[in-house]
Amino acid sequence: MSLLTEEIRALVGTSVVYTAPEPLGRAAIRYFALAVGDDNPVYTDDDAAREAGYDGVVAPPTLVCETNQYAGLPRDADGYAGHGWGIELPGTRQVRGGNAYVFHRPVRPGDVITATWTLAAADERTTSAGQDMLILTSRAEYTNQDGEPLVSNEETIIYVAVTP
């Protein structure tokens, strides 16, 4: 059974863009830091941030990668509130293969974040147990209102055929 369908091949190279409806606020930065349990004062105190070499308060690095935090994306059937490609492959289980982040510059209060997601590749392989699998690679580029790069993210999602 081939998991790499013509419909999926046609999606490779497709991009979607999400732009926040307003600038990132200091409260959102503080709440995100609290939610992830990071009490680094550079996220809440201008003086501490300046002592660390910043112009003022900065956001925790991963805030920008949580597109649903600022783009208002709805949750899917699995409860995921981020970008998905809408690929459903009956007879498979989905496994997150991981993310590789490159952080280019800090996110600051007042930044308007844009996320551009591109489905970069779709490859078919076979597991060591002989199961078919489809490996999708997405790339996300996050920029601020001036087009300056904030973060690059390469994400891998794997669909593995479930044997009866």
N, C-alpha and C. Protein backbone atom coordinates (compact mmCIF):
# COMPACT_ATOMS: atom_id res chain seq x y z
N MET A 1 0.85 -1.18 0.00
CA MET A 1 0.00 0.00 0.00
C MET A 1 0.89 1.24 0.00
N SER A 2 0.68 2.13 -0.93
CA SER A 2 1.47 3.36 -0.99
C SER A 2 0.77 4.46 -0.19
N LEU A 3 1.48 5.03 0.77
CA LEU A 3 0.94 6.12 1.57
C LEU A 3 1.14 7.48 0.90
N LEU A 4 2.09 7.54 -0.02
CA LEU A 4 2.40 8.80 -0.70
C LEU A 4 1.50 8.92 -1.93
N THR A 5 0.34 9.51 -1.71
CA THR A 5 -0.66 9.65 -2.76
C THR A 5 -0.36 10.87 -3.64
N GLU A 6 -1.03 10.95 -4.77
CA GLU A 6 -0.88 12.11 -5.66
C GLU A 6 -1.36 13.38 -4.96
N GLU A 7 -2.39 13.28 -4.12
CA GLU A 7 -2.89 14.44 -3.38
C GLU A 7 -1.82 14.98 -2.43
N ILE A 8 -1.10 14.07 -1.78
CA ILE A 8 -0.04 14.50 -0.87
C ILE A 8 1.13 15.06 -1.66
N ARG A 9 1.51 14.42 -2.75
CA ARG A 9 2.58 14.96 -3.61
C ARG A 9 2.27 16.38 -4.05
N ALA A 10 0.99 16.64 -4.37
CA ALA A 10 0.58 17.96 -4.83
C ALA A 10 0.70 19.02 -3.74
N LEU A 11 0.66 18.60 -2.48
CA LEU A 11 0.79 19.55 -1.37
C LEU A 11 2.23 20.01 -1.15
N VAL A 12 3.21 19.21 -1.57
CA VAL A 12 4.61 19.57 -1.36
C VAL A 12 4.90 20.90 -2.05
N GLY A 13 5.47 21.81 -1.30
CA GLY A 13 5.76 23.16 -1.80
C GLY A 13 4.67 24.17 -1.46
N THR A 14 3.54 23.69 -0.96
CA THR A 14 2.45 24.58 -0.56
C THR A 14 2.82 25.33 0.71
N SER A 15 2.44 26.60 0.77
CA SER A 15 2.69 27.41 1.96
C SER A 15 1.39 28.04 2.46
N VAL A 16 1.33 28.25 3.76
CA VAL A 16 0.25 29.00 4.39
C VAL A 16 0.89 30.05 5.28
N VAL A 17 0.21 31.19 5.43
CA VAL A 17 0.76 32.29 6.21
C VAL A 17 -0.26 32.71 7.27
N TYR A 18 0.22 32.87 8.50
CA TYR A 18 -0.61 33.36 9.60
C TYR A 18 0.09 34.59 10.17
N THR A 19 -0.66 35.69 10.28
CA THR A 19 -0.12 36.90 10.91
C THR A 19 -0.98 37.23 12.12
N ALA A 20 -0.31 37.56 13.20
CA ALA A 20 -1.02 37.92 14.43
C ALA A 20 -1.90 39.13 14.17
N PRO A 21 -3.08 39.17 14.79
CA PRO A 21 -3.97 40.32 14.57
C PRO A 21 -3.56 41.58 15.32
N GLU A 22 -2.59 41.47 16.24
CA GLU A 22 -2.12 42.64 16.98
C GLU A 22 -0.70 42.39 17.46
N PRO A 23 -0.01 43.44 17.92
CA PRO A 23 1.34 43.26 18.44
C PRO A 23 1.35 42.41 19.72
N LEU A 24 2.43 41.70 19.93
CA LEU A 24 2.62 40.91 21.13
C LEU A 24 2.72 41.85 22.33
N GLY A 25 2.02 41.53 23.39
CA GLY A 25 2.04 42.38 24.58
C GLY A 25 2.89 41.80 25.70
N ARG A 26 3.26 42.67 26.62
CA ARG A 26 4.06 42.24 27.78
C ARG A 26 3.32 41.21 28.62
N ALA A 27 2.01 41.38 28.76
CA ALA A 27 1.23 40.43 29.57
C ALA A 27 1.28 39.03 28.95
N ALA A 28 1.15 38.95 27.63
CA ALA A 28 1.21 37.64 26.97
C ALA A 28 2.56 36.98 27.20
N ILE A 29 3.62 37.77 27.17
CA ILE A 29 4.96 37.24 27.43
C ILE A 29 5.06 36.71 28.85
N ARG A 30 4.56 37.50 29.80
CA ARG A 30 4.60 37.09 31.21
C ARG A 30 3.76 35.83 31.43
N TYR A 31 2.55 35.80 30.87
CA TYR A 31 1.68 34.64 31.06
C TYR A 31 2.28 33.38 30.44
N PHE A 32 2.91 33.51 29.28
CA PHE A 32 3.51 32.34 28.65
C PHE A 32 4.67 31.83 29.52
N ALA A 33 5.50 32.74 30.02
CA ALA A 33 6.61 32.34 30.89
C ALA A 33 6.08 31.61 32.13
N LEU A 34 5.01 32.13 32.71
CA LEU A 34 4.40 31.47 33.87
C LEU A 34 3.87 30.08 33.49
N ALA A 35 3.22 30.00 32.33
CA ALA A 35 2.61 28.73 31.90
C ALA A 35 3.65 27.64 31.68
N VAL A 36 4.84 28.02 31.20
CA VAL A 36 5.88 27.02 30.95
C VAL A 36 6.83 26.87 32.14
N GLY A 37 6.56 27.62 33.21
CA GLY A 37 7.34 27.48 34.43
C GLY A 37 8.73 28.10 34.36
N ASP A 38 8.89 29.14 33.54
CA ASP A 38 10.20 29.77 33.40
C ASP A 38 10.17 31.13 34.09
N ASP A 39 10.88 31.23 35.21
CA ASP A 39 10.86 32.48 35.98
C ASP A 39 12.06 33.39 35.70
N ASN A 40 12.68 33.24 34.55
CA ASN A 40 13.80 34.10 34.15
C ASN A 40 13.32 35.55 34.14
N PRO A 41 13.96 36.43 34.89
CA PRO A 41 13.48 37.82 34.97
C PRO A 41 13.59 38.61 33.66
N VAL A 42 14.31 38.12 32.66
CA VAL A 42 14.38 38.86 31.39
C VAL A 42 13.02 38.88 30.68
N TYR A 43 12.08 38.04 31.13
CA TYR A 43 10.74 38.01 30.53
C TYR A 43 9.78 38.96 31.21
N THR A 44 10.18 39.53 32.36
CA THR A 44 9.26 40.37 33.13
C THR A 44 9.86 41.68 33.62
N ASP A 45 11.16 41.81 33.61
CA ASP A 45 11.82 42.98 34.22
C ASP A 45 12.78 43.62 33.22
N ASP A 46 12.48 44.87 32.85
CA ASP A 46 13.32 45.59 31.88
C ASP A 46 14.77 45.71 32.35
N ASP A 47 14.97 45.99 33.63
CA ASP A 47 16.34 46.15 34.14
C ASP A 47 17.12 44.83 34.02
N ALA A 48 16.50 43.74 34.39
CA ALA A 48 17.16 42.43 34.29
C ALA A 48 17.46 42.11 32.82
N ALA A 49 16.53 42.45 31.95
CA ALA A 49 16.74 42.19 30.51
C ALA A 49 17.90 43.04 29.98
N ARG A 50 17.99 44.31 30.42
CA ARG A 50 19.10 45.17 29.97
C ARG A 50 20.44 44.65 30.51
N GLU A 51 20.43 44.17 31.75
CA GLU A 51 21.65 43.59 32.32
C GLU A 51 22.10 42.36 31.53
N ALA A 52 21.15 41.67 30.91
CA ALA A 52 21.47 40.48 30.12
C ALA A 52 21.82 40.84 28.67
N GLY A 53 21.80 42.14 28.35
CA GLY A 53 22.21 42.57 27.01
C GLY A 53 21.08 42.88 26.03
N TYR A 54 19.84 42.86 26.50
CA TYR A 54 18.70 43.17 25.64
C TYR A 54 18.30 44.64 25.83
N ASP A 55 17.45 45.13 24.93
CA ASP A 55 16.95 46.50 25.05
C ASP A 55 15.84 46.62 26.08
N GLY A 56 15.28 45.52 26.48
CA GLY A 56 14.18 45.46 27.44
C GLY A 56 13.66 44.03 27.45
N VAL A 57 12.50 43.85 28.05
CA VAL A 57 11.89 42.54 28.19
C VAL A 57 11.84 41.81 26.84
N VAL A 58 12.10 40.50 26.88
CA VAL A 58 12.00 39.64 25.69
C VAL A 58 11.08 38.46 26.04
N ALA A 59 10.61 37.77 25.01
CA ALA A 59 9.72 36.62 25.20
C ALA A 59 10.55 35.34 25.36
N PRO A 60 10.01 34.36 26.08
CA PRO A 60 10.65 33.04 26.08
C PRO A 60 10.77 32.56 24.63
N PRO A 61 11.87 31.94 24.28
CA PRO A 61 12.12 31.61 22.87
C PRO A 61 11.01 30.82 22.19
N THR A 62 10.38 29.89 22.88
CA THR A 62 9.39 29.04 22.21
C THR A 62 8.01 29.68 22.07
N LEU A 63 7.77 30.83 22.67
CA LEU A 63 6.46 31.46 22.52
C LEU A 63 6.12 31.66 21.05
N VAL A 64 7.08 32.13 20.28
CA VAL A 64 6.82 32.41 18.86
C VAL A 64 6.47 31.14 18.09
N CYS A 65 6.92 30.00 18.55
CA CYS A 65 6.67 28.74 17.84
C CYS A 65 5.29 28.19 18.11
N GLU A 66 4.60 28.72 19.07
CA GLU A 66 3.23 28.28 19.39
C GLU A 66 2.26 29.18 18.64
N THR A 67 2.12 28.93 17.33
CA THR A 67 1.32 29.77 16.46
C THR A 67 -0.06 30.03 17.02
N ASN A 68 -0.65 29.03 17.66
CA ASN A 68 -1.99 29.20 18.20
C ASN A 68 -2.03 30.26 19.30
N GLN A 69 -0.90 30.58 19.91
CA GLN A 69 -0.87 31.58 20.98
C GLN A 69 -1.26 32.96 20.46
N TYR A 70 -0.99 33.24 19.20
CA TYR A 70 -1.23 34.59 18.70
C TYR A 70 -2.02 34.65 17.41
N ALA A 71 -2.25 33.53 16.75
CA ALA A 71 -2.94 33.57 15.46
C ALA A 71 -4.40 33.13 15.55
N GLY A 72 -4.84 32.67 16.72
CA GLY A 72 -6.23 32.30 16.89
C GLY A 72 -6.66 31.10 16.07
N LEU A 73 -5.78 30.13 15.88
CA LEU A 73 -6.13 28.95 15.09
C LEU A 73 -7.05 28.03 15.90
N PRO A 74 -8.06 27.45 15.26
CA PRO A 74 -8.97 26.56 15.99
C PRO A 74 -8.32 25.22 16.29
N ARG A 75 -8.84 24.53 17.28
CA ARG A 75 -8.34 23.20 17.63
C ARG A 75 -8.91 22.17 16.66
N ASP A 76 -8.07 21.17 16.34
CA ASP A 76 -8.56 20.09 15.47
C ASP A 76 -9.20 19.00 16.35
N ALA A 77 -9.60 17.90 15.73
CA ALA A 77 -10.28 16.82 16.45
C ALA A 77 -9.43 16.21 17.56
N ASP A 78 -8.08 16.32 17.43
CA ASP A 78 -7.17 15.80 18.45
C ASP A 78 -6.83 16.83 19.51
N GLY A 79 -7.40 18.05 19.39
CA GLY A 79 -7.14 19.10 20.36
C GLY A 79 -5.94 19.97 20.02
N TYR A 80 -5.30 19.72 18.88
CA TYR A 80 -4.13 20.50 18.49
C TYR A 80 -4.58 21.84 17.93
N ALA A 81 -4.02 22.92 18.46
CA ALA A 81 -4.40 24.27 18.03
C ALA A 81 -3.21 24.93 17.34
N GLY A 82 -2.80 24.37 16.25
CA GLY A 82 -1.71 24.92 15.46
C GLY A 82 -1.97 24.61 14.00
N HIS A 83 -0.97 24.73 13.18
CA HIS A 83 -1.19 24.45 11.76
C HIS A 83 -1.10 22.95 11.50
N GLY A 84 -2.02 22.46 10.72
CA GLY A 84 -2.00 21.07 10.26
C GLY A 84 -2.27 21.07 8.77
N TRP A 85 -1.81 20.08 8.08
CA TRP A 85 -1.98 20.02 6.63
C TRP A 85 -3.28 19.35 6.22
N GLY A 86 -4.05 18.86 7.19
CA GLY A 86 -5.32 18.22 6.85
C GLY A 86 -5.17 16.87 6.19
N ILE A 87 -4.05 16.22 6.43
CA ILE A 87 -3.79 14.91 5.82
C ILE A 87 -4.34 13.83 6.75
N GLU A 88 -5.25 13.05 6.22
CA GLU A 88 -5.79 11.92 6.97
C GLU A 88 -5.48 10.65 6.20
N LEU A 89 -4.81 9.74 6.85
CA LEU A 89 -4.45 8.47 6.22
C LEU A 89 -5.02 7.33 7.04
N PRO A 90 -6.22 6.85 6.68
CA PRO A 90 -6.81 5.73 7.42
C PRO A 90 -5.85 4.53 7.44
N GLY A 91 -5.86 3.84 8.55
CA GLY A 91 -4.99 2.67 8.68
C GLY A 91 -3.57 3.01 9.09
N THR A 92 -3.37 4.26 9.55
CA THR A 92 -2.05 4.67 10.01
C THR A 92 -2.16 5.27 11.41
N ARG A 93 -1.04 5.36 12.07
CA ARG A 93 -0.97 6.14 13.31
C ARG A 93 0.04 7.25 13.07
N GLN A 94 -0.23 8.39 13.64
CA GLN A 94 0.63 9.56 13.45
C GLN A 94 1.60 9.66 14.62
N VAL A 95 2.88 9.89 14.29
CA VAL A 95 3.93 10.03 15.29
C VAL A 95 4.66 11.34 15.01
N ARG A 96 4.87 12.13 16.04
CA ARG A 96 5.66 13.36 15.88
C ARG A 96 7.13 12.96 15.84
N GLY A 97 7.78 13.30 14.76
CA GLY A 97 9.18 12.93 14.57
C GLY A 97 10.16 13.92 15.18
N GLY A 98 9.67 15.09 15.56
CA GLY A 98 10.54 16.07 16.21
C GLY A 98 10.56 17.40 15.51
N ASN A 99 11.23 18.34 16.16
CA ASN A 99 11.40 19.69 15.65
C ASN A 99 12.87 20.08 15.78
N ALA A 100 13.33 20.89 14.85
CA ALA A 100 14.68 21.46 14.91
C ALA A 100 14.52 22.97 14.78
N TYR A 101 14.84 23.69 15.84
CA TYR A 101 14.66 25.14 15.87
C TYR A 101 15.98 25.87 15.70
N VAL A 102 15.93 27.00 15.03
CA VAL A 102 17.04 27.95 14.98
C VAL A 102 16.45 29.29 15.41
N PHE A 103 16.96 29.84 16.50
CA PHE A 103 16.47 31.11 17.03
C PHE A 103 17.39 32.22 16.53
N HIS A 104 16.82 33.14 15.74
CA HIS A 104 17.63 34.19 15.11
C HIS A 104 17.74 35.45 15.96
N ARG A 105 16.66 35.88 16.58
CA ARG A 105 16.67 37.08 17.41
C ARG A 105 15.53 37.00 18.41
N PRO A 106 15.65 37.72 19.53
CA PRO A 106 14.60 37.68 20.54
C PRO A 106 13.30 38.32 20.03
N VAL A 107 12.20 37.82 20.54
CA VAL A 107 10.89 38.41 20.27
C VAL A 107 10.62 39.42 21.37
N ARG A 108 10.15 40.60 20.95
CA ARG A 108 9.97 41.71 21.89
C ARG A 108 8.51 42.13 21.97
N PRO A 109 8.12 42.75 23.07
CA PRO A 109 6.78 43.34 23.10
C PRO A 109 6.65 44.32 21.94
N GLY A 110 5.50 44.31 21.31
CA GLY A 110 5.28 45.18 20.15
C GLY A 110 5.53 44.49 18.82
N ASP A 111 6.20 43.33 18.82
CA ASP A 111 6.40 42.61 17.57
C ASP A 111 5.07 42.05 17.07
N VAL A 112 4.85 42.15 15.77
CA VAL A 112 3.72 41.50 15.12
C VAL A 112 4.31 40.31 14.38
N ILE A 113 3.93 39.14 14.81
CA ILE A 113 4.55 37.91 14.31
C ILE A 113 3.79 37.34 13.12
N THR A 114 4.55 36.94 12.11
CA THR A 114 4.00 36.22 10.97
C THR A 114 4.70 34.87 10.88
N ALA A 115 3.90 33.82 10.74
CA ALA A 115 4.42 32.46 10.57
C ALA A 115 4.09 32.00 9.16
N THR A 116 5.11 31.56 8.44
CA THR A 116 4.92 31.00 7.10
C THR A 116 5.31 29.54 7.14
N TRP A 117 4.31 28.65 6.98
CA TRP A 117 4.52 27.21 7.00
C TRP A 117 4.56 26.70 5.58
N THR A 118 5.55 25.87 5.27
CA THR A 118 5.67 25.25 3.95
C THR A 118 5.84 23.75 4.12
N LEU A 119 5.04 22.99 3.37
CA LEU A 119 5.25 21.54 3.36
C LEU A 119 6.43 21.29 2.41
N ALA A 120 7.57 20.98 2.99
CA ALA A 120 8.83 20.93 2.24
C ALA A 120 9.08 19.60 1.55
N ALA A 121 8.65 18.49 2.17
CA ALA A 121 8.95 17.19 1.59
C ALA A 121 7.97 16.14 2.09
N ALA A 122 7.79 15.12 1.27
CA ALA A 122 7.01 13.94 1.63
C ALA A 122 7.75 12.73 1.08
N ASP A 123 8.20 11.87 1.97
CA ASP A 123 8.99 10.70 1.57
C ASP A 123 8.35 9.43 2.11
N GLU A 124 8.43 8.39 1.31
CA GLU A 124 7.89 7.10 1.73
C GLU A 124 9.03 6.15 2.05
N ARG A 125 8.90 5.44 3.17
CA ARG A 125 9.90 4.47 3.58
C ARG A 125 9.20 3.25 4.17
N THR A 126 10.01 2.28 4.57
CA THR A 126 9.49 1.08 5.21
C THR A 126 10.23 0.90 6.54
N THR A 127 9.48 0.57 7.58
CA THR A 127 10.10 0.35 8.88
C THR A 127 10.87 -0.97 8.85
N SER A 128 11.68 -1.20 9.87
CA SER A 128 12.44 -2.46 9.94
C SER A 128 11.50 -3.65 10.09
N ALA A 129 10.27 -3.40 10.55
CA ALA A 129 9.28 -4.47 10.69
C ALA A 129 8.46 -4.65 9.40
N GLY A 130 8.79 -3.87 8.36
CA GLY A 130 8.10 -4.02 7.08
C GLY A 130 6.86 -3.18 6.91
N GLN A 131 6.59 -2.28 7.84
CA GLN A 131 5.41 -1.41 7.73
C GLN A 131 5.74 -0.20 6.86
N ASP A 132 4.77 0.19 6.03
CA ASP A 132 4.94 1.41 5.24
C ASP A 132 4.87 2.61 6.15
N MET A 133 5.63 3.64 5.81
CA MET A 133 5.51 4.89 6.55
C MET A 133 5.73 6.06 5.61
N LEU A 134 5.07 7.16 5.94
CA LEU A 134 5.17 8.40 5.20
C LEU A 134 5.79 9.43 6.13
N ILE A 135 6.84 10.11 5.67
CA ILE A 135 7.52 11.10 6.49
C ILE A 135 7.30 12.46 5.84
N LEU A 136 6.62 13.36 6.58
CA LEU A 136 6.37 14.72 6.10
C LEU A 136 7.30 15.68 6.82
N THR A 137 7.90 16.58 6.06
CA THR A 137 8.77 17.61 6.63
C THR A 137 8.16 18.96 6.31
N SER A 138 7.87 19.73 7.36
CA SER A 138 7.36 21.09 7.22
C SER A 138 8.43 22.06 7.68
N ARG A 139 8.44 23.22 7.09
CA ARG A 139 9.33 24.29 7.56
C ARG A 139 8.49 25.50 7.90
N ALA A 140 8.78 26.10 9.02
CA ALA A 140 8.09 27.32 9.44
C ALA A 140 9.13 28.41 9.62
N GLU A 141 8.83 29.56 9.05
CA GLU A 141 9.68 30.74 9.22
C GLU A 141 8.84 31.79 9.94
N TYR A 142 9.34 32.27 11.06
CA TYR A 142 8.65 33.28 11.86
C TYR A 142 9.40 34.59 11.71
N THR A 143 8.66 35.65 11.38
CA THR A 143 9.28 36.97 11.20
C THR A 143 8.50 38.00 12.00
N ASN A 144 9.13 39.16 12.19
CA ASN A 144 8.42 40.26 12.85
C ASN A 144 7.85 41.22 11.80
N GLN A 145 7.28 42.31 12.24
CA GLN A 145 6.62 43.27 11.36
C GLN A 145 7.58 43.91 10.35
N ASP A 146 8.87 43.85 10.60
CA ASP A 146 9.86 44.41 9.67
C ASP A 146 10.44 43.33 8.75
N GLY A 147 9.89 42.12 8.83
CA GLY A 147 10.38 41.02 8.00
C GLY A 147 11.66 40.40 8.52
N GLU A 148 12.07 40.79 9.73
CA GLU A 148 13.29 40.23 10.32
C GLU A 148 13.01 38.81 10.81
N PRO A 149 13.93 37.88 10.52
CA PRO A 149 13.71 36.50 10.97
C PRO A 149 13.80 36.40 12.49
N LEU A 150 12.85 35.68 13.07
CA LEU A 150 12.85 35.42 14.51
C LEU A 150 13.27 33.98 14.79
N VAL A 151 12.59 33.03 14.14
CA VAL A 151 12.85 31.61 14.37
C VAL A 151 12.60 30.84 13.08
N SER A 152 13.39 29.79 12.87
CA SER A 152 13.13 28.81 11.83
C SER A 152 12.86 27.48 12.52
N ASN A 153 11.90 26.73 12.01
CA ASN A 153 11.52 25.46 12.63
C ASN A 153 11.32 24.42 11.54
N GLU A 154 12.00 23.30 11.65
CA GLU A 154 11.75 22.17 10.76
C GLU A 154 11.07 21.10 11.60
N GLU A 155 9.90 20.68 11.15
CA GLU A 155 9.09 19.72 11.90
C GLU A 155 8.89 18.45 11.08
N THR A 156 8.97 17.31 11.74
CA THR A 156 8.78 16.03 11.07
C THR A 156 7.57 15.32 11.67
N ILE A 157 6.67 14.90 10.79
CA ILE A 157 5.51 14.11 11.19
C ILE A 157 5.58 12.79 10.42
N ILE A 158 5.38 11.69 11.12
CA ILE A 158 5.49 10.36 10.50
C ILE A 158 4.15 9.64 10.62
N TYR A 159 3.71 9.08 9.51
CA TYR A 159 2.51 8.24 9.49
C TYR A 159 2.98 6.80 9.28
N VAL A 160 2.65 5.92 10.20
CA VAL A 160 3.07 4.52 10.12
C VAL A 160 1.84 3.65 9.90
N ALA A 161 1.90 2.78 8.88
CA ALA A 161 0.79 1.88 8.62
C ALA A 161 0.62 0.92 9.80
N VAL A 162 -0.62 0.74 10.20
CA VAL A 162 -0.93 -0.16 11.29
C VAL A 162 -1.28 -1.51 10.68
N THR A 163 -0.60 -2.54 11.13
CA THR A 163 -0.87 -3.88 10.59
C THR A 163 -2.05 -4.48 11.32
N PRO A 164 -2.91 -5.19 10.60
CA PRO A 164 -4.09 -5.79 11.25
C PRO A 164 -3.70 -6.89 12.22
